[in-house]
């Protein structure tokens, strides 16, 4: 039987439930004119970065650079977490400060107007 991960709670190292997200899209993609497939929110500082399927892979880069171990999906209807050091998915965790996802009218991939026509070919 596979060992079960410790549940994520508001006291888990690397989670600050009061921190607000940095914005509605990937910080680095927004500043560089890039695009993303899906978004992830750092549970420690609120940095919003793009997922590992995105060209920039900014969420993982942020976690590695800053040593922030946990992200939560920043997609509408998703509340799962990823623990980088443990390399584990957690279906649920503590509620973080709103908003809980990108705006529902913002497409994925996004942002509108910057996604190339051949975006599927560019995914990791």
N, C-alpha and C. Protein backbone atom coordinates (compact mmCIF):
# COMPACT_ATOMS: atom_id res chain seq x y z
N UNK A 1 0.84 -1.17 0.00
CA UNK A 1 0.00 0.00 0.00
C UNK A 1 0.89 1.24 0.00
N UNK A 2 0.54 2.23 -0.84
CA UNK A 2 1.31 3.45 -0.93
C UNK A 2 1.05 4.33 0.29
N UNK A 3 2.12 4.93 0.83
CA UNK A 3 1.94 5.79 2.00
C UNK A 3 1.16 7.04 1.61
N UNK A 4 0.33 7.47 2.52
CA UNK A 4 -0.52 8.65 2.29
C UNK A 4 0.22 9.91 2.73
N UNK A 5 0.16 10.97 1.92
CA UNK A 5 0.83 12.21 2.32
C UNK A 5 0.11 12.86 3.50
N UNK A 6 0.87 13.60 4.27
CA UNK A 6 0.26 14.40 5.33
C UNK A 6 -0.70 15.38 4.67
N UNK A 7 -1.88 15.59 5.25
CA UNK A 7 -2.79 16.56 4.64
C UNK A 7 -2.23 17.98 4.73
N UNK A 8 -2.50 18.76 3.72
CA UNK A 8 -2.09 20.16 3.74
C UNK A 8 -3.06 20.93 4.63
N UNK A 9 -2.51 21.78 5.47
CA UNK A 9 -3.33 22.60 6.36
C UNK A 9 -2.79 24.03 6.33
N UNK A 10 -3.49 24.92 7.00
CA UNK A 10 -3.05 26.31 7.08
C UNK A 10 -1.72 26.44 7.80
N UNK A 11 -1.31 25.42 8.55
CA UNK A 11 -0.03 25.47 9.25
C UNK A 11 1.08 24.72 8.52
N UNK A 12 0.78 24.15 7.35
CA UNK A 12 1.81 23.47 6.56
C UNK A 12 2.86 24.49 6.15
N UNK A 13 4.14 24.12 6.29
CA UNK A 13 5.22 25.01 5.88
C UNK A 13 5.05 25.35 4.41
N UNK A 14 5.15 26.63 4.09
CA UNK A 14 5.02 27.07 2.71
C UNK A 14 3.61 27.46 2.31
N UNK A 15 2.69 27.51 3.26
CA UNK A 15 1.33 27.95 2.95
C UNK A 15 0.96 29.12 3.85
N UNK A 16 0.57 30.21 3.23
CA UNK A 16 0.08 31.38 3.94
C UNK A 16 -1.30 31.71 3.39
N UNK A 17 -2.36 31.25 4.06
CA UNK A 17 -3.71 31.42 3.53
C UNK A 17 -4.14 32.88 3.33
N UNK A 18 -3.49 33.82 4.00
CA UNK A 18 -3.90 35.23 3.92
C UNK A 18 -3.31 35.95 2.71
N UNK A 19 -2.31 35.38 2.06
CA UNK A 19 -1.64 36.07 0.95
C UNK A 19 -2.53 36.10 -0.28
N UNK A 20 -2.65 37.28 -0.86
CA UNK A 20 -3.46 37.47 -2.07
C UNK A 20 -2.67 37.05 -3.31
N UNK A 21 -3.36 36.60 -4.37
CA UNK A 21 -2.66 36.29 -5.61
C UNK A 21 -2.07 37.56 -6.22
N UNK A 22 -0.99 37.40 -6.96
CA UNK A 22 -0.28 38.54 -7.55
C UNK A 22 -1.05 39.20 -8.69
N UNK A 23 -2.03 38.54 -9.23
CA UNK A 23 -2.80 39.11 -10.32
C UNK A 23 -3.58 38.03 -11.05
N UNK A 24 -4.23 38.37 -12.16
CA UNK A 24 -5.08 37.41 -12.87
C UNK A 24 -4.35 36.51 -13.85
N UNK A 25 -3.03 36.74 -14.04
CA UNK A 25 -2.27 35.95 -15.00
C UNK A 25 -0.85 35.75 -14.55
N UNK A 26 -0.08 35.02 -15.34
CA UNK A 26 1.32 34.74 -15.03
C UNK A 26 2.10 36.05 -15.01
N UNK A 27 2.77 36.31 -13.91
CA UNK A 27 3.53 37.56 -13.73
C UNK A 27 4.57 37.72 -14.84
N UNK A 28 5.36 36.68 -15.08
CA UNK A 28 6.44 36.77 -16.06
C UNK A 28 5.92 36.84 -17.49
N UNK A 29 4.89 36.05 -17.81
CA UNK A 29 4.32 36.12 -19.16
C UNK A 29 3.71 37.48 -19.43
N UNK A 30 3.06 38.04 -18.43
CA UNK A 30 2.47 39.38 -18.60
C UNK A 30 3.55 40.41 -18.87
N UNK A 31 4.66 40.34 -18.16
CA UNK A 31 5.71 41.34 -18.33
C UNK A 31 6.49 41.17 -19.62
N UNK A 32 6.51 39.94 -20.17
CA UNK A 32 7.29 39.68 -21.38
C UNK A 32 6.44 39.60 -22.65
N UNK A 33 5.10 39.69 -22.50
CA UNK A 33 4.22 39.56 -23.66
C UNK A 33 3.98 38.11 -24.05
N UNK A 34 4.28 37.18 -23.15
CA UNK A 34 4.10 35.75 -23.42
C UNK A 34 2.67 35.29 -23.19
N UNK A 35 2.50 33.98 -23.21
CA UNK A 35 1.18 33.37 -23.03
C UNK A 35 1.35 32.11 -22.18
N UNK A 36 0.23 31.62 -21.67
CA UNK A 36 0.25 30.44 -20.80
C UNK A 36 -0.87 29.48 -21.17
N UNK A 37 -0.68 28.24 -20.71
CA UNK A 37 -1.71 27.21 -20.88
C UNK A 37 -2.62 27.21 -19.66
N UNK A 38 -2.08 26.93 -18.49
CA UNK A 38 -2.82 27.00 -17.24
C UNK A 38 -2.00 27.73 -16.19
N UNK A 39 -2.68 28.18 -15.13
CA UNK A 39 -2.03 28.99 -14.10
C UNK A 39 -1.96 28.27 -12.77
N UNK A 40 -0.89 28.58 -12.02
CA UNK A 40 -0.67 28.05 -10.67
C UNK A 40 -0.36 29.22 -9.74
N UNK A 41 -0.82 29.11 -8.51
CA UNK A 41 -0.64 30.17 -7.51
C UNK A 41 0.25 29.66 -6.38
N UNK A 42 1.31 30.40 -6.08
CA UNK A 42 2.19 30.04 -4.97
C UNK A 42 1.41 30.19 -3.67
N UNK A 43 1.40 29.13 -2.87
CA UNK A 43 0.65 29.14 -1.61
C UNK A 43 1.39 29.91 -0.52
N UNK A 44 2.65 30.28 -0.76
CA UNK A 44 3.41 31.05 0.23
C UNK A 44 3.27 32.55 0.02
N UNK A 45 3.44 33.00 -1.23
CA UNK A 45 3.48 34.45 -1.48
C UNK A 45 2.42 34.95 -2.44
N UNK A 46 1.68 34.05 -3.10
CA UNK A 46 0.63 34.46 -4.02
C UNK A 46 1.07 34.64 -5.46
N UNK A 47 2.36 34.47 -5.75
CA UNK A 47 2.86 34.61 -7.12
C UNK A 47 2.05 33.71 -8.06
N UNK A 48 1.52 34.29 -9.13
CA UNK A 48 0.80 33.51 -10.14
C UNK A 48 1.77 33.28 -11.30
N UNK A 49 1.98 32.00 -11.61
CA UNK A 49 2.86 31.62 -12.70
C UNK A 49 2.18 30.59 -13.57
N UNK A 50 2.78 30.36 -14.74
CA UNK A 50 2.20 29.39 -15.67
C UNK A 50 2.68 27.98 -15.36
N UNK A 51 1.88 27.00 -15.76
CA UNK A 51 2.12 25.59 -15.47
C UNK A 51 3.29 25.03 -16.28
N UNK A 52 3.67 23.81 -15.96
CA UNK A 52 4.80 23.16 -16.64
C UNK A 52 4.50 22.78 -18.08
N UNK A 53 3.25 22.78 -18.50
CA UNK A 53 2.93 22.55 -19.91
C UNK A 53 3.09 23.83 -20.72
N UNK A 54 3.10 24.97 -20.06
CA UNK A 54 3.26 26.27 -20.72
C UNK A 54 4.70 26.46 -21.19
N UNK A 55 4.90 27.28 -22.22
CA UNK A 55 6.27 27.51 -22.70
C UNK A 55 7.21 28.04 -21.61
N UNK A 56 6.74 28.93 -20.74
CA UNK A 56 7.61 29.56 -19.76
C UNK A 56 7.85 28.76 -18.49
N UNK A 57 6.93 27.90 -18.12
CA UNK A 57 7.03 27.09 -16.90
C UNK A 57 7.42 27.95 -15.69
N UNK A 58 6.77 29.10 -15.55
CA UNK A 58 7.16 30.07 -14.54
C UNK A 58 6.78 29.70 -13.11
N UNK A 59 5.74 28.91 -12.89
CA UNK A 59 5.37 28.53 -11.52
C UNK A 59 6.47 27.68 -10.89
N UNK A 60 6.96 26.69 -11.63
CA UNK A 60 8.03 25.84 -11.11
C UNK A 60 9.32 26.63 -10.96
N UNK A 61 9.60 27.52 -11.90
CA UNK A 61 10.80 28.36 -11.78
C UNK A 61 10.74 29.21 -10.51
N UNK A 62 9.58 29.77 -10.22
CA UNK A 62 9.40 30.56 -9.00
C UNK A 62 9.62 29.69 -7.76
N UNK A 63 9.02 28.52 -7.74
CA UNK A 63 9.16 27.62 -6.58
C UNK A 63 10.62 27.26 -6.36
N UNK A 64 11.33 26.99 -7.43
CA UNK A 64 12.75 26.62 -7.33
C UNK A 64 13.59 27.79 -6.86
N UNK A 65 13.41 28.95 -7.47
CA UNK A 65 14.20 30.13 -7.14
C UNK A 65 13.93 30.63 -5.73
N UNK A 66 12.67 30.68 -5.35
CA UNK A 66 12.28 31.26 -4.05
C UNK A 66 12.23 30.24 -2.92
N UNK A 67 12.25 28.95 -3.26
CA UNK A 67 12.15 27.92 -2.23
C UNK A 67 10.75 27.79 -1.65
N UNK A 68 9.75 28.22 -2.41
CA UNK A 68 8.36 28.11 -1.98
C UNK A 68 7.84 26.76 -2.44
N UNK A 69 7.47 25.87 -1.52
CA UNK A 69 7.25 24.48 -1.87
C UNK A 69 5.89 24.07 -2.43
N UNK A 70 4.85 24.90 -2.28
CA UNK A 70 3.50 24.45 -2.61
C UNK A 70 2.80 25.45 -3.53
N UNK A 71 2.14 24.94 -4.57
CA UNK A 71 1.28 25.76 -5.43
C UNK A 71 -0.12 25.19 -5.42
N UNK A 72 -1.07 26.05 -5.76
CA UNK A 72 -2.44 25.61 -5.95
C UNK A 72 -2.84 25.97 -7.37
N UNK A 73 -3.70 25.14 -7.96
CA UNK A 73 -4.23 25.49 -9.28
C UNK A 73 -4.92 26.84 -9.18
N UNK A 74 -4.76 27.65 -10.21
CA UNK A 74 -5.42 28.96 -10.27
C UNK A 74 -6.41 28.96 -11.44
N UNK A 75 -7.00 27.79 -11.67
CA UNK A 75 -7.99 27.61 -12.72
C UNK A 75 -9.39 27.51 -12.11
N UNK A 76 -10.40 28.07 -12.77
CA UNK A 76 -11.77 28.00 -12.24
C UNK A 76 -12.20 26.56 -11.97
N UNK A 77 -12.80 26.35 -10.81
CA UNK A 77 -13.34 25.04 -10.45
C UNK A 77 -12.31 24.05 -9.93
N UNK A 78 -11.04 24.44 -9.81
CA UNK A 78 -10.00 23.54 -9.32
C UNK A 78 -9.46 24.07 -8.00
N UNK A 79 -9.27 23.17 -7.02
CA UNK A 79 -8.71 23.61 -5.74
C UNK A 79 -7.56 22.72 -5.28
N UNK A 80 -6.99 21.92 -6.18
CA UNK A 80 -5.91 21.01 -5.82
C UNK A 80 -4.59 21.75 -5.62
N UNK A 81 -3.68 21.09 -4.91
CA UNK A 81 -2.36 21.62 -4.61
C UNK A 81 -1.28 20.67 -5.14
N UNK A 82 -0.09 21.20 -5.37
CA UNK A 82 1.08 20.40 -5.70
C UNK A 82 2.19 20.77 -4.73
N UNK A 83 2.79 19.74 -4.13
CA UNK A 83 3.90 19.89 -3.19
C UNK A 83 5.17 19.51 -3.94
N UNK A 84 5.99 20.50 -4.30
CA UNK A 84 7.19 20.25 -5.09
C UNK A 84 8.20 19.34 -4.39
N UNK A 85 8.61 19.64 -3.14
CA UNK A 85 9.62 18.78 -2.50
C UNK A 85 9.19 17.32 -2.38
N UNK A 86 7.92 17.10 -2.08
CA UNK A 86 7.41 15.73 -1.94
C UNK A 86 7.02 15.12 -3.28
N UNK A 87 6.97 15.97 -4.33
CA UNK A 87 6.53 15.52 -5.66
C UNK A 87 5.17 14.85 -5.56
N UNK A 88 4.23 15.56 -4.88
CA UNK A 88 2.91 14.97 -4.60
C UNK A 88 1.77 15.92 -4.92
N UNK A 89 0.73 15.32 -5.45
CA UNK A 89 -0.55 15.98 -5.69
C UNK A 89 -1.39 15.87 -4.42
N UNK A 90 -2.08 16.94 -4.08
CA UNK A 90 -3.03 16.93 -2.96
C UNK A 90 -4.37 17.42 -3.51
N UNK A 91 -5.41 16.59 -3.44
CA UNK A 91 -6.69 17.00 -4.02
C UNK A 91 -7.33 18.20 -3.33
N UNK A 92 -6.96 18.45 -2.08
CA UNK A 92 -7.54 19.58 -1.34
C UNK A 92 -6.51 20.11 -0.35
N UNK A 93 -6.78 21.28 0.15
CA UNK A 93 -5.92 21.89 1.16
C UNK A 93 -6.66 23.04 1.78
N UNK A 94 -5.96 23.91 2.49
CA UNK A 94 -6.62 25.03 3.13
C UNK A 94 -7.13 26.04 2.11
N UNK A 95 -8.16 26.75 2.47
CA UNK A 95 -8.68 27.79 1.58
C UNK A 95 -7.76 29.00 1.62
N UNK A 96 -7.32 29.41 0.45
CA UNK A 96 -6.47 30.59 0.34
C UNK A 96 -7.36 31.82 0.11
N UNK A 97 -6.79 32.99 0.35
CA UNK A 97 -7.53 34.24 0.17
C UNK A 97 -8.01 34.38 -1.27
N UNK A 98 -9.20 34.92 -1.48
CA UNK A 98 -9.71 35.10 -2.84
C UNK A 98 -8.95 36.22 -3.57
N UNK A 99 -9.02 36.21 -4.89
CA UNK A 99 -9.76 35.28 -5.74
C UNK A 99 -9.06 33.93 -5.83
N UNK A 100 -9.82 32.89 -6.14
CA UNK A 100 -9.33 31.52 -6.14
C UNK A 100 -8.92 31.03 -7.52
N UNK A 101 -9.14 31.86 -8.54
CA UNK A 101 -8.77 31.47 -9.90
C UNK A 101 -8.64 32.70 -10.78
N UNK A 102 -8.12 32.45 -11.96
CA UNK A 102 -8.11 33.50 -12.98
C UNK A 102 -9.57 33.88 -13.24
N UNK A 103 -9.82 35.06 -13.82
CA UNK A 103 -11.20 35.41 -14.15
C UNK A 103 -11.82 34.38 -15.09
N UNK A 104 -13.04 34.02 -14.86
CA UNK A 104 -13.69 32.97 -15.67
C UNK A 104 -13.86 33.39 -17.13
N UNK A 105 -13.83 34.68 -17.42
CA UNK A 105 -13.95 35.12 -18.82
C UNK A 105 -12.59 35.20 -19.52
N UNK A 106 -11.51 34.91 -18.81
CA UNK A 106 -10.18 34.87 -19.39
C UNK A 106 -9.96 33.46 -19.92
N UNK A 107 -9.65 33.32 -21.20
CA UNK A 107 -9.54 31.97 -21.77
C UNK A 107 -8.30 31.22 -21.30
N UNK A 108 -8.33 29.92 -21.46
CA UNK A 108 -7.16 29.07 -21.27
C UNK A 108 -7.01 28.26 -22.55
N UNK A 109 -5.92 28.35 -23.25
CA UNK A 109 -4.77 29.17 -22.90
C UNK A 109 -5.09 30.66 -23.03
N UNK A 110 -4.25 31.45 -22.42
CA UNK A 110 -4.46 32.88 -22.39
C UNK A 110 -3.14 33.62 -22.34
N UNK A 111 -3.21 34.92 -22.30
CA UNK A 111 -4.41 35.74 -22.36
C UNK A 111 -4.90 35.92 -23.80
N UNK A 112 -6.14 36.30 -23.89
CA UNK A 112 -6.77 36.53 -25.20
C UNK A 112 -5.90 37.48 -26.03
N UNK A 113 -5.69 37.12 -27.27
CA UNK A 113 -4.95 37.98 -28.18
C UNK A 113 -3.46 37.68 -28.26
N UNK A 114 -2.91 36.87 -27.34
CA UNK A 114 -1.47 36.58 -27.37
C UNK A 114 -1.16 35.10 -27.59
N UNK A 115 -2.18 34.27 -27.70
CA UNK A 115 -1.96 32.83 -27.87
C UNK A 115 -1.76 32.54 -29.36
N UNK A 116 -0.62 31.93 -29.72
CA UNK A 116 -0.39 31.65 -31.14
C UNK A 116 -1.33 30.55 -31.66
N UNK A 117 -1.59 30.58 -32.96
CA UNK A 117 -2.50 29.60 -33.56
C UNK A 117 -2.00 28.17 -33.38
N UNK A 118 -0.69 27.98 -33.35
CA UNK A 118 -0.12 26.64 -33.20
C UNK A 118 0.24 26.33 -31.74
N UNK A 119 -0.55 26.87 -30.81
CA UNK A 119 -0.22 26.75 -29.38
C UNK A 119 -0.11 25.31 -28.91
N UNK A 120 -0.91 24.40 -29.44
CA UNK A 120 -0.85 22.99 -29.00
C UNK A 120 0.52 22.39 -29.29
N UNK A 121 1.12 22.76 -30.39
CA UNK A 121 2.45 22.25 -30.76
C UNK A 121 3.52 22.79 -29.82
N UNK A 122 3.27 23.91 -29.19
CA UNK A 122 4.28 24.56 -28.35
C UNK A 122 4.23 24.13 -26.88
N UNK A 123 3.25 23.30 -26.52
CA UNK A 123 3.15 22.84 -25.13
C UNK A 123 4.27 21.86 -24.80
N UNK A 124 4.64 21.84 -23.53
CA UNK A 124 5.65 20.88 -23.04
C UNK A 124 4.97 19.59 -22.64
